Amino acid sequence: MLISNAYAQTAAAGGADIMQFLPIILMIAVFYFLMMRPQQKKAKEHKALLEALSKGDEVVTQSGMAGRITKVGEEFVTIEIAENVEIKMQKGAVAVVLVKGTLKNL
């Protein structure tokens, strides 16, 4: 009486199902190529930079301090930021390796 009759709907064509998800798939692909891939590439380059650190390299840390590496350990480096002033920092804090002789010009 109060309940209306329910009628079964015919199934949609198989290709139409894929077309519904196509915009989502495209958004995921664009997100990967514009956001994730460049970030992974940058992280890989930074890891290679940290592995190549050696005594005597002139570096700038993420905090902006410039100095010369005096000791390299597994996780830490010792950086001379002024004459007879050395600090110990994590390797990951090194942002950039400078060209030799740059500190003399500062």
PDB file of N, CA and C in Angstrom:
ATOM      1  N   MET A   1       0.799  -1.181   0.000  1.00  0.00           N
ATOM      2  CA  MET A   1       0.000   0.000   0.000  1.00  0.00           C
ATOM      3  C   MET A   1       0.859   1.270   0.000  1.00  0.00           C
ATOM      4  N   LEU A   2       1.660   1.427   1.049  1.00  0.00           N
ATOM      5  CA  LEU A   2       2.487   2.619   1.134  1.00  0.00           C
ATOM      6  C   LEU A   2       3.856   2.432   0.481  1.00  0.00           C
ATOM      7  N   ILE A   3       4.188   1.213   0.208  1.00  0.00           N
ATOM      8  CA  ILE A   3       5.499   0.940  -0.373  1.00  0.00           C
ATOM      9  C   ILE A   3       5.346   0.830  -1.885  1.00  0.00           C
ATOM     10  N   SER A   4       6.152   1.597  -2.603  1.00  0.00           N
ATOM     11  CA  SER A   4       6.066   1.539  -4.060  1.00  0.00           C
ATOM     12  C   SER A   4       6.834   0.332  -4.574  1.00  0.00           C
ATOM     13  N   ASN A   5       6.503  -0.092  -5.729  1.00  0.00           N
ATOM     14  CA  ASN A   5       7.171  -1.239  -6.331  1.00  0.00           C
ATOM     15  C   ASN A   5       8.588  -0.859  -6.752  1.00  0.00           C
ATOM     16  N   ALA A   6       9.542  -1.742  -6.493  1.00  0.00           N
ATOM     17  CA  ALA A   6      10.931  -1.518  -6.898  1.00  0.00           C
ATOM     18  C   ALA A   6      11.172  -2.243  -8.211  1.00  0.00           C
ATOM     19  N   TYR A   7      11.768  -1.558  -9.129  1.00  0.00           N
ATOM     20  CA  TYR A   7      12.044  -2.158 -10.421  1.00  0.00           C
ATOM     21  C   TYR A   7      13.565  -2.245 -10.598  1.00  0.00           C
ATOM     22  N   ALA A   8      14.021  -3.355 -11.108  1.00  0.00           N
ATOM     23  CA  ALA A   8      15.453  -3.557 -11.341  1.00  0.00           C
ATOM     24  C   ALA A   8      15.897  -2.735 -12.538  1.00  0.00           C
ATOM     25  N   GLN A   9      17.053  -2.113 -12.380  1.00  0.00           N
ATOM     26  CA  GLN A   9      17.608  -1.345 -13.486  1.00  0.00           C
ATOM     27  C   GLN A   9      18.545  -2.234 -14.278  1.00  0.00           C
ATOM     28  N   THR A  10      18.631  -1.979 -15.547  1.00  0.00           N
ATOM     29  CA  THR A  10      19.534  -2.766 -16.375  1.00  0.00           C
ATOM     30  C   THR A  10      20.965  -2.346 -16.091  1.00  0.00           C
ATOM     31  N   ALA A  11      21.883  -3.263 -16.185  1.00  0.00           N
ATOM     32  CA  ALA A  11      23.301  -2.984 -15.923  1.00  0.00           C
ATOM     33  C   ALA A  11      23.862  -2.104 -17.027  1.00  0.00           C
ATOM     34  N   ALA A  12      24.742  -1.174 -16.623  1.00  0.00           N
ATOM     35  CA  ALA A  12      25.367  -0.278 -17.597  1.00  0.00           C
ATOM     36  C   ALA A  12      26.419  -1.044 -18.387  1.00  0.00           C
ATOM     37  N   ALA A  13      26.782  -0.515 -19.504  1.00  0.00           N
ATOM     38  CA  ALA A  13      27.797  -1.148 -20.342  1.00  0.00           C
ATOM     39  C   ALA A  13      29.134  -1.146 -19.615  1.00  0.00           C
ATOM     40  N   GLY A  14      30.001  -2.117 -19.880  1.00  0.00           N
ATOM     41  CA  GLY A  14      31.290  -2.252 -19.189  1.00  0.00           C
ATOM     42  C   GLY A  14      32.200  -1.056 -19.381  1.00  0.00           C
ATOM     43  N   GLY A  15      32.197  -0.428 -20.546  1.00  0.00           N
ATOM     44  CA  GLY A  15      33.065   0.723 -20.808  1.00  0.00           C
ATOM     45  C   GLY A  15      32.662   1.950 -20.030  1.00  0.00           C
ATOM     46  N   ALA A  16      31.412   2.062 -19.700  1.00  0.00           N
ATOM     47  CA  ALA A  16      30.939   3.233 -18.964  1.00  0.00           C
ATOM     48  C   ALA A  16      31.481   3.251 -17.538  1.00  0.00           C
ATOM     49  N   ASP A  17      31.728   2.084 -16.955  1.00  0.00           N
ATOM     50  CA  ASP A  17      32.290   2.015 -15.600  1.00  0.00           C
ATOM     51  C   ASP A  17      33.699   2.606 -15.559  1.00  0.00           C
ATOM     52  N   ILE A  18      34.479   2.306 -16.560  1.00  0.00           N
ATOM     53  CA  ILE A  18      35.852   2.829 -16.613  1.00  0.00           C
ATOM     54  C   ILE A  18      35.834   4.338 -16.819  1.00  0.00           C
ATOM     55  N   MET A  19      34.912   4.822 -17.593  1.00  0.00           N
ATOM     56  CA  MET A  19      34.835   6.257 -17.858  1.00  0.00           C
ATOM     57  C   MET A  19      34.499   7.054 -16.595  1.00  0.00           C
ATOM     58  N   GLN A  20      33.827   6.436 -15.647  1.00  0.00           N
ATOM     59  CA  GLN A  20      33.512   7.119 -14.403  1.00  0.00           C
ATOM     60  C   GLN A  20      34.764   7.321 -13.551  1.00  0.00           C
ATOM     61  N   PHE A  21      35.715   6.384 -13.636  1.00  0.00           N
ATOM     62  CA  PHE A  21      36.927   6.464 -12.831  1.00  0.00           C
ATOM     63  C   PHE A  21      38.077   7.168 -13.556  1.00  0.00           C
ATOM     64  N   LEU A  22      37.932   7.463 -14.814  1.00  0.00           N
ATOM     65  CA  LEU A  22      38.988   8.090 -15.596  1.00  0.00           C
ATOM     66  C   LEU A  22      39.448   9.435 -15.021  1.00  0.00           C
ATOM     67  N   PRO A  23      38.563  10.340 -14.612  1.00  0.00           N
ATOM     68  CA  PRO A  23      39.040  11.597 -14.032  1.00  0.00           C
ATOM     69  C   PRO A  23      39.866  11.398 -12.755  1.00  0.00           C
ATOM     70  N   ILE A  24      39.486  10.436 -11.942  1.00  0.00           N
ATOM     71  CA  ILE A  24      40.242  10.154 -10.712  1.00  0.00           C
ATOM     72  C   ILE A  24      41.620   9.601 -11.054  1.00  0.00           C
ATOM     73  N   ILE A  25      41.667   8.702 -12.022  1.00  0.00           N
ATOM     74  CA  ILE A  25      42.947   8.127 -12.447  1.00  0.00           C
ATOM     75  C   ILE A  25      43.849   9.216 -13.015  1.00  0.00           C
ATOM     76  N   LEU A  26      43.305  10.125 -13.803  1.00  0.00           N
ATOM     77  CA  LEU A  26      44.093  11.221 -14.367  1.00  0.00           C
ATOM     78  C   LEU A  26      44.613  12.158 -13.273  1.00  0.00           C
ATOM     79  N   MET A  27      43.794  12.434 -12.269  1.00  0.00           N
ATOM     80  CA  MET A  27      44.235  13.295 -11.165  1.00  0.00           C
ATOM     81  C   MET A  27      45.378  12.652 -10.389  1.00  0.00           C
ATOM     82  N   ILE A  28      45.314  11.349 -10.179  1.00  0.00           N
ATOM     83  CA  ILE A  28      46.391  10.644  -9.482  1.00  0.00           C
ATOM     84  C   ILE A  28      47.674  10.690 -10.305  1.00  0.00           C
ATOM     85  N   ALA A  29      47.562  10.508 -11.616  1.00  0.00           N
ATOM     86  CA  ALA A  29      48.737  10.548 -12.487  1.00  0.00           C
ATOM     87  C   ALA A  29      49.372  11.938 -12.483  1.00  0.00           C
ATOM     88  N   VAL A  30      48.564  12.982 -12.563  1.00  0.00           N
ATOM     89  CA  VAL A  30      49.080  14.355 -12.547  1.00  0.00           C
ATOM     90  C   VAL A  30      49.734  14.639 -11.199  1.00  0.00           C
ATOM     91  N   PHE A  31      49.119  14.219 -10.119  1.00  0.00           N
ATOM     92  CA  PHE A  31      49.685  14.407  -8.777  1.00  0.00           C
ATOM     93  C   PHE A  31      51.043  13.734  -8.672  1.00  0.00           C
ATOM     94  N   TYR A  32      51.167  12.515  -9.213  1.00  0.00           N
ATOM     95  CA  TYR A  32      52.437  11.794  -9.149  1.00  0.00           C
ATOM     96  C   TYR A  32      53.525  12.524  -9.925  1.00  0.00           C
ATOM     97  N   PHE A  33      53.231  12.941 -11.154  1.00  0.00           N
ATOM     98  CA  PHE A  33      54.266  13.548 -11.989  1.00  0.00           C
ATOM     99  C   PHE A  33      54.613  14.980 -11.582  1.00  0.00           C
ATOM    100  N   LEU A  34      53.692  15.698 -10.961  1.00  0.00           N
ATOM    101  CA  LEU A  34      53.969  17.081 -10.574  1.00  0.00           C
ATOM    102  C   LEU A  34      54.449  17.226  -9.134  1.00  0.00           C
ATOM    103  N   MET A  35      54.121  16.289  -8.267  1.00  0.00           N
ATOM    104  CA  MET A  35      54.452  16.443  -6.852  1.00  0.00           C
ATOM    105  C   MET A  35      55.430  15.375  -6.355  1.00  0.00           C
ATOM    106  N   MET A  36      55.081  14.131  -6.502  1.00  0.00           N
ATOM    107  CA  MET A  36      55.853  13.066  -5.877  1.00  0.00           C
ATOM    108  C   MET A  36      57.172  12.773  -6.591  1.00  0.00           C
ATOM    109  N   ARG A  37      57.148  12.697  -7.885  1.00  0.00           N
ATOM    110  CA  ARG A  37      58.356  12.336  -8.637  1.00  0.00           C
ATOM    111  C   ARG A  37      59.478  13.363  -8.462  1.00  0.00           C
ATOM    112  N   PRO A  38      59.217  14.674  -8.594  1.00  0.00           N
ATOM    113  CA  PRO A  38      60.295  15.635  -8.363  1.00  0.00           C
ATOM    114  C   PRO A  38      60.828  15.603  -6.924  1.00  0.00           C
ATOM    115  N   GLN A  39      59.935  15.363  -5.965  1.00  0.00           N
ATOM    116  CA  GLN A  39      60.363  15.306  -4.571  1.00  0.00           C
ATOM    117  C   GLN A  39      61.260  14.090  -4.335  1.00  0.00           C
ATOM    118  N   GLN A  40      60.937  12.960  -4.931  1.00  0.00           N
ATOM    119  CA  GLN A  40      61.775  11.776  -4.802  1.00  0.00           C
ATOM    120  C   GLN A  40      63.133  11.994  -5.454  1.00  0.00           C
ATOM    121  N   LYS A  41      63.155  12.679  -6.579  1.00  0.00           N
ATOM    122  CA  LYS A  41      64.413  12.961  -7.277  1.00  0.00           C
ATOM    123  C   LYS A  41      65.300  13.867  -6.425  1.00  0.00           C
ATOM    124  N   LYS A  42      64.689  14.886  -5.820  1.00  0.00           N
ATOM    125  CA  LYS A  42      65.443  15.801  -4.973  1.00  0.00           C
ATOM    126  C   LYS A  42      65.991  15.082  -3.743  1.00  0.00           C
ATOM    127  N   ALA A  43      65.213  14.202  -3.152  1.00  0.00           N
ATOM    128  CA  ALA A  43      65.667  13.442  -1.986  1.00  0.00           C
ATOM    129  C   ALA A  43      66.830  12.522  -2.360  1.00  0.00           C
ATOM    130  N   LYS A  44      66.777  11.937  -3.533  1.00  0.00           N
ATOM    131  CA  LYS A  44      67.854  11.064  -3.995  1.00  0.00           C
ATOM    132  C   LYS A  44      69.147  11.867  -4.211  1.00  0.00           C
ATOM    133  N   GLU A  45      69.027  13.063  -4.784  1.00  0.00           N
ATOM    134  CA  GLU A  45      70.197  13.921  -4.990  1.00  0.00           C
ATOM    135  C   GLU A  45      70.802  14.356  -3.660  1.00  0.00           C
ATOM    136  N   HIS A  46      69.957  14.684  -2.665  1.00  0.00           N
ATOM    137  CA  HIS A  46      70.450  15.113  -1.357  1.00  0.00           C
ATOM    138  C   HIS A  46      71.157  13.961  -0.654  1.00  0.00           C
ATOM    139  N   LYS A  47      70.633  12.750  -0.796  1.00  0.00           N
ATOM    140  CA  LYS A  47      71.271  11.584  -0.191  1.00  0.00           C
ATOM    141  C   LYS A  47      72.655  11.360  -0.800  1.00  0.00           C
ATOM    142  N   ALA A  48      72.763  11.512  -2.117  1.00  0.00           N
ATOM    143  CA  ALA A  48      74.059  11.362  -2.787  1.00  0.00           C
ATOM    144  C   ALA A  48      75.031  12.449  -2.329  1.00  0.00           C
ATOM    145  N   LEU A  49      74.531  13.668  -2.128  1.00  0.00           N
ATOM    146  CA  LEU A  49      75.372  14.766  -1.640  1.00  0.00           C
ATOM    147  C   LEU A  49      75.919  14.440  -0.248  1.00  0.00           C
ATOM    148  N   LEU A  50      75.083  13.902   0.620  1.00  0.00           N
ATOM    149  CA  LEU A  50      75.509  13.578   1.986  1.00  0.00           C
ATOM    150  C   LEU A  50      76.521  12.439   2.005  1.00  0.00           C
ATOM    151  N   GLU A  51      76.356  11.474   1.121  1.00  0.00           N
ATOM    152  CA  GLU A  51      77.303  10.361   1.062  1.00  0.00           C
ATOM    153  C   GLU A  51      78.655  10.799   0.519  1.00  0.00           C
ATOM    154  N   ALA A  52      78.699  11.866  -0.266  1.00  0.00           N
ATOM    155  CA  ALA A  52      79.940  12.331  -0.886  1.00  0.00           C
ATOM    156  C   ALA A  52      80.685  13.348  -0.016  1.00  0.00           C
ATOM    157  N   LEU A  53      80.167  13.681   1.163  1.00  0.00           N
ATOM    158  CA  LEU A  53      80.848  14.658   2.023  1.00  0.00           C
ATOM    159  C   LEU A  53      82.207  14.134   2.448  1.00  0.00           C
ATOM    160  N   SER A  54      83.185  15.020   2.456  1.00  0.00           N
ATOM    161  CA  SER A  54      84.524  14.632   2.889  1.00  0.00           C
ATOM    162  C   SER A  54      85.177  15.794   3.632  1.00  0.00           C
ATOM    163  N   LYS A  55      86.257  15.473   4.317  1.00  0.00           N
ATOM    164  CA  LYS A  55      86.991  16.478   5.077  1.00  0.00           C
ATOM    165  C   LYS A  55      87.502  17.555   4.128  1.00  0.00           C
ATOM    166  N   GLY A  56      87.322  18.831   4.524  1.00  0.00           N
ATOM    167  CA  GLY A  56      87.781  19.950   3.714  1.00  0.00           C
ATOM    168  C   GLY A  56      86.700  20.567   2.841  1.00  0.00           C
ATOM    169  N   ASP A  57      85.560  19.900   2.699  1.00  0.00           N
ATOM    170  CA  ASP A  57      84.460  20.475   1.910  1.00  0.00           C
ATOM    171  C   ASP A  57      83.903  21.708   2.609  1.00  0.00           C
ATOM    172  N   GLU A  58      83.576  22.718   1.830  1.00  0.00           N
ATOM    173  CA  GLU A  58      82.944  23.927   2.365  1.00  0.00           C
ATOM    174  C   GLU A  58      81.445  23.786   2.143  1.00  0.00           C
ATOM    175  N   VAL A  59      80.686  23.941   3.239  1.00  0.00           N
ATOM    176  CA  VAL A  59      79.251  23.663   3.182  1.00  0.00           C
ATOM    177  C   VAL A  59      78.451  24.786   3.816  1.00  0.00           C
ATOM    178  N   VAL A  60      77.150  24.799   3.483  1.00  0.00           N
ATOM    179  CA  VAL A  60      76.180  25.662   4.142  1.00  0.00           C
ATOM    180  C   VAL A  60      75.118  24.732   4.715  1.00  0.00           C
ATOM    181  N   THR A  61      74.786  24.941   5.977  1.00  0.00           N
ATOM    182  CA  THR A  61      73.770  24.105   6.617  1.00  0.00           C
ATOM    183  C   THR A  61      72.379  24.660   6.346  1.00  0.00           C
ATOM    184  N   GLN A  62      71.364  23.898   6.731  1.00  0.00           N
ATOM    185  CA  GLN A  62      69.991  24.344   6.546  1.00  0.00           C
ATOM    186  C   GLN A  62      69.680  25.559   7.407  1.00  0.00           C
ATOM    187  N   SER A  63      70.431  25.740   8.489  1.00  0.00           N
ATOM    188  CA  SER A  63      70.213  26.913   9.337  1.00  0.00           C
ATOM    189  C   SER A  63      70.932  28.142   8.806  1.00  0.00           C
ATOM    190  N   GLY A  64      71.745  27.974   7.762  1.00  0.00           N
ATOM    191  CA  GLY A  64      72.406  29.111   7.138  1.00  0.00           C
ATOM    192  C   GLY A  64      73.843  29.318   7.552  1.00  0.00           C
ATOM    193  N   MET A  65      74.385  28.450   8.388  1.00  0.00           N
ATOM    194  CA  MET A  65      75.783  28.591   8.802  1.00  0.00           C
ATOM    195  C   MET A  65      76.702  28.011   7.730  1.00  0.00           C
ATOM    196  N   ALA A  66      77.760  28.739   7.437  1.00  0.00           N
ATOM    197  CA  ALA A  66      78.740  28.283   6.459  1.00  0.00           C
ATOM    198  C   ALA A  66      80.012  27.901   7.191  1.00  0.00           C
ATOM    199  N   GLY A  67      80.647  26.834   6.733  1.00  0.00           N
ATOM    200  CA  GLY A  67      81.876  26.401   7.369  1.00  0.00           C
ATOM    201  C   GLY A  67      82.565  25.322   6.567  1.00  0.00           C
ATOM    202  N   ARG A  68      83.670  24.835   7.138  1.00  0.00           N
ATOM    203  CA  ARG A  68      84.488  23.805   6.486  1.00  0.00           C
ATOM    204  C   ARG A  68      84.401  22.533   7.324  1.00  0.00           C
ATOM    205  N   ILE A  69      84.199  21.413   6.684  1.00  0.00           N
ATOM    206  CA  ILE A  69      84.107  20.132   7.387  1.00  0.00           C
ATOM    207  C   ILE A  69      85.495  19.705   7.844  1.00  0.00           C
ATOM    208  N   THR A  70      85.591  19.361   9.151  1.00  0.00           N
ATOM    209  CA  THR A  70      86.866  18.891   9.700  1.00  0.00           C
ATOM    210  C   THR A  70      86.844  17.401  10.008  1.00  0.00           C
ATOM    211  N   LYS A  71      85.678  16.851  10.317  1.00  0.00           N
ATOM    212  CA  LYS A  71      85.544  15.414  10.590  1.00  0.00           C
ATOM    213  C   LYS A  71      84.214  14.928  10.015  1.00  0.00           C
ATOM    214  N   VAL A  72      84.240  13.711   9.470  1.00  0.00           N
ATOM    215  CA  VAL A  72      83.025  13.105   8.934  1.00  0.00           C
ATOM    216  C   VAL A  72      82.812  11.771   9.635  1.00  0.00           C
ATOM    217  N   GLY A  73      81.648  11.616  10.255  1.00  0.00           N
ATOM    218  CA  GLY A  73      81.285  10.356  10.891  1.00  0.00           C
ATOM    219  C   GLY A  73      80.134   9.702  10.151  1.00  0.00           C
ATOM    220  N   GLU A  74      79.578   8.649  10.759  1.00  0.00           N
ATOM    221  CA  GLU A  74      78.451   7.955  10.141  1.00  0.00           C
ATOM    222  C   GLU A  74      77.208   8.837  10.084  1.00  0.00           C
ATOM    223  N   GLU A  75      76.881   9.484  11.212  1.00  0.00           N
ATOM    224  CA  GLU A  75      75.669  10.295  11.287  1.00  0.00           C
ATOM    225  C   GLU A  75      75.944  11.781  11.499  1.00  0.00           C
ATOM    226  N   PHE A  76      77.148  12.117  11.958  1.00  0.00           N
ATOM    227  CA  PHE A  76      77.458  13.509  12.294  1.00  0.00           C
ATOM    228  C   PHE A  76      78.694  13.981  11.540  1.00  0.00           C
ATOM    229  N   VAL A  77      78.760  15.292  11.334  1.00  0.00           N
ATOM    230  CA  VAL A  77      79.951  15.942  10.784  1.00  0.00           C
ATOM    231  C   VAL A  77      80.347  17.061  11.731  1.00  0.00           C
ATOM    232  N   THR A  78      81.639  17.330  11.800  1.00  0.00           N
ATOM    233  CA  THR A  78      82.133  18.457  12.578  1.00  0.00           C
ATOM    234  C   THR A  78      82.502  19.556  11.598  1.00  0.00           C
ATOM    235  N   ILE A  79      81.940  20.736  11.843  1.00  0.00           N
ATOM    236  CA  ILE A  79      82.127  21.859  10.924  1.00  0.00           C
ATOM    237  C   ILE A  79      82.825  22.993  11.667  1.00  0.00           C
ATOM    238  N   GLU A  80      83.881  23.517  11.069  1.00  0.00           N
ATOM    239  CA  GLU A  80      84.588  24.675  11.627  1.00  0.00           C
ATOM    240  C   GLU A  80      83.929  25.926  11.032  1.00  0.00           C
ATOM    241  N   ILE A  81      83.256  26.697  11.890  1.00  0.00           N
ATOM    242  CA  ILE A  81      82.539  27.878  11.413  1.00  0.00           C
ATOM    243  C   ILE A  81      83.350  29.150  11.593  1.00  0.00           C
ATOM    244  N   ALA A  82      84.378  29.099  12.430  1.00  0.00           N
ATOM    245  CA  ALA A  82      85.315  30.203  12.621  1.00  0.00           C
ATOM    246  C   ALA A  82      86.625  29.582  13.095  1.00  0.00           C
ATOM    247  N   GLU A  83      87.652  30.368  13.174  1.00  0.00           N
ATOM    248  CA  GLU A  83      88.938  29.837  13.604  1.00  0.00           C
ATOM    249  C   GLU A  83      88.829  29.313  15.035  1.00  0.00           C
ATOM    250  N   ASN A  84      89.172  28.042  15.226  1.00  0.00           N
ATOM    251  CA  ASN A  84      89.109  27.338  16.516  1.00  0.00           C
ATOM    252  C   ASN A  84      87.692  27.225  17.078  1.00  0.00           C
ATOM    253  N   VAL A  85      86.677  27.345  16.243  1.00  0.00           N
ATOM    254  CA  VAL A  85      85.289  27.154  16.673  1.00  0.00           C
ATOM    255  C   VAL A  85      84.678  26.062  15.800  1.00  0.00           C
ATOM    256  N   GLU A  86      84.417  24.908  16.435  1.00  0.00           N
ATOM    257  CA  GLU A  86      83.851  23.778  15.707  1.00  0.00           C
ATOM    258  C   GLU A  86      82.521  23.383  16.330  1.00  0.00           C
ATOM    259  N   ILE A  87      81.599  22.974  15.479  1.00  0.00           N
ATOM    260  CA  ILE A  87      80.312  22.482  15.953  1.00  0.00           C
ATOM    261  C   ILE A  87      80.058  21.115  15.323  1.00  0.00           C
ATOM    262  N   LYS A  88      79.314  20.304  16.034  1.00  0.00           N
ATOM    263  CA  LYS A  88      78.969  18.982  15.540  1.00  0.00           C
ATOM    264  C   LYS A  88      77.495  19.015  15.128  1.00  0.00           C
ATOM    265  N   MET A  89      77.220  18.600  13.898  1.00  0.00           N
ATOM    266  CA  MET A  89      75.856  18.621  13.368  1.00  0.00           C
ATOM    267  C   MET A  89      75.553  17.293  12.694  1.00  0.00           C
ATOM    268  N   GLN A  90      74.271  17.012  12.553  1.00  0.00           N
ATOM    269  CA  GLN A  90      73.870  15.830  11.800  1.00  0.00           C
ATOM    270  C   GLN A  90      74.166  16.049  10.322  1.00  0.00           C
ATOM    271  N   LYS A  91      74.478  14.963   9.641  1.00  0.00           N
ATOM    272  CA  LYS A  91      74.777  15.073   8.214  1.00  0.00           C
ATOM    273  C   LYS A  91      73.597  15.653   7.437  1.00  0.00           C
ATOM    274  N   GLY A  92      72.394  15.313   7.840  1.00  0.00           N
ATOM    275  CA  GLY A  92      71.204  15.774   7.136  1.00  0.00           C
ATOM    276  C   GLY A  92      71.008  17.273   7.178  1.00  0.00           C
ATOM    277  N   ALA A  93      71.711  17.954   8.092  1.00  0.00           N
ATOM    278  CA  ALA A  93      71.593  19.408   8.203  1.00  0.00           C
ATOM    279  C   ALA A  93      72.389  20.135   7.127  1.00  0.00           C
ATOM    280  N   VAL A  94      73.249  19.430   6.427  1.00  0.00           N
ATOM    281  CA  VAL A  94      74.024  20.051   5.351  1.00  0.00           C
ATOM    282  C   VAL A  94      73.110  20.226   4.144  1.00  0.00           C
ATOM    283  N   ALA A  95      73.001  21.462   3.675  1.00  0.00           N
ATOM    284  CA  ALA A  95      72.101  21.751   2.555  1.00  0.00           C
ATOM    285  C   ALA A  95      72.843  21.837   1.233  1.00  0.00           C
ATOM    286  N   VAL A  96      74.019  22.493   1.229  1.00  0.00           N
ATOM    287  CA  VAL A  96      74.728  22.765  -0.025  1.00  0.00           C
ATOM    288  C   VAL A  96      76.219  22.597   0.199  1.00  0.00           C
ATOM    289  N   VAL A  97      76.893  22.016  -0.772  1.00  0.00           N
ATOM    290  CA  VAL A  97      78.353  21.983  -0.783  1.00  0.00           C
ATOM    291  C   VAL A  97      78.809  23.110  -1.691  1.00  0.00           C
ATOM    292  N   LEU A  98      79.648  23.997  -1.142  1.00  0.00           N
ATOM    293  CA  LEU A  98      80.125  25.159  -1.892  1.00  0.00           C
ATOM    294  C   LEU A  98      81.364  24.823  -2.702  1.00  0.00           C
ATOM    295  N   VAL A  99      81.669  25.669  -3.656  1.00  0.00           N
ATOM    296  CA  VAL A  99      82.891  25.541  -4.438  1.00  0.00           C
ATOM    297  C   VAL A  99      84.066  25.890  -3.517  1.00  0.00           C
ATOM    298  N   LYS A 100      85.171  25.169  -3.667  1.00  0.00           N
ATOM    299  CA  LYS A 100      86.352  25.426  -2.826  1.00  0.00           C
ATOM    300  C   LYS A 100      86.787  26.888  -2.944  1.00  0.00           C
ATOM    301  N   GLY A 101      87.091  27.493  -1.821  1.00  0.00           N
ATOM    302  CA  GLY A 101      87.527  28.883  -1.789  1.00  0.00           C
ATOM    303  C   GLY A 101      86.417  29.891  -1.601  1.00  0.00           C
ATOM    304  N   THR A 102      85.203  29.435  -1.510  1.00  0.00           N
ATOM    305  CA  THR A 102      84.068  30.362  -1.347  1.00  0.00           C
ATOM    306  C   THR A 102      84.102  31.039   0.007  1.00  0.00           C
ATOM    307  N   LEU A 103      84.525  30.326   1.033  1.00  0.00           N
ATOM    308  CA  LEU A 103      84.536  30.895   2.385  1.00  0.00           C
ATOM    309  C   LEU A 103      85.516  32.056   2.518  1.00  0.00           C
ATOM    310  N   LYS A 104      86.555  32.061   1.729  1.00  0.00           N
ATOM    311  CA  LYS A 104      87.518  33.163   1.782  1.00  0.00           C
ATOM    312  C   LYS A 104      86.883  34.472   1.305  1.00  0.00           C
ATOM    313  N   ASN A 105      85.922  34.366   0.399  1.00  0.00           N
ATOM    314  CA  ASN A 105      85.277  35.553  -0.149  1.00  0.00           C
ATOM    315  C   ASN A 105      84.153  36.092   0.741  1.00  0.00           C
ATOM    316  N   LEU A 106      83.742  35.321   1.731  1.00  0.00           N
ATOM    317  CA  LEU A 106      82.656  35.765   2.589  1.00  0.00           C
ATOM    318  C   LEU A 106      83.091  36.751   3.597  1.00  0.00           C
TER     319      LEU A 106
END
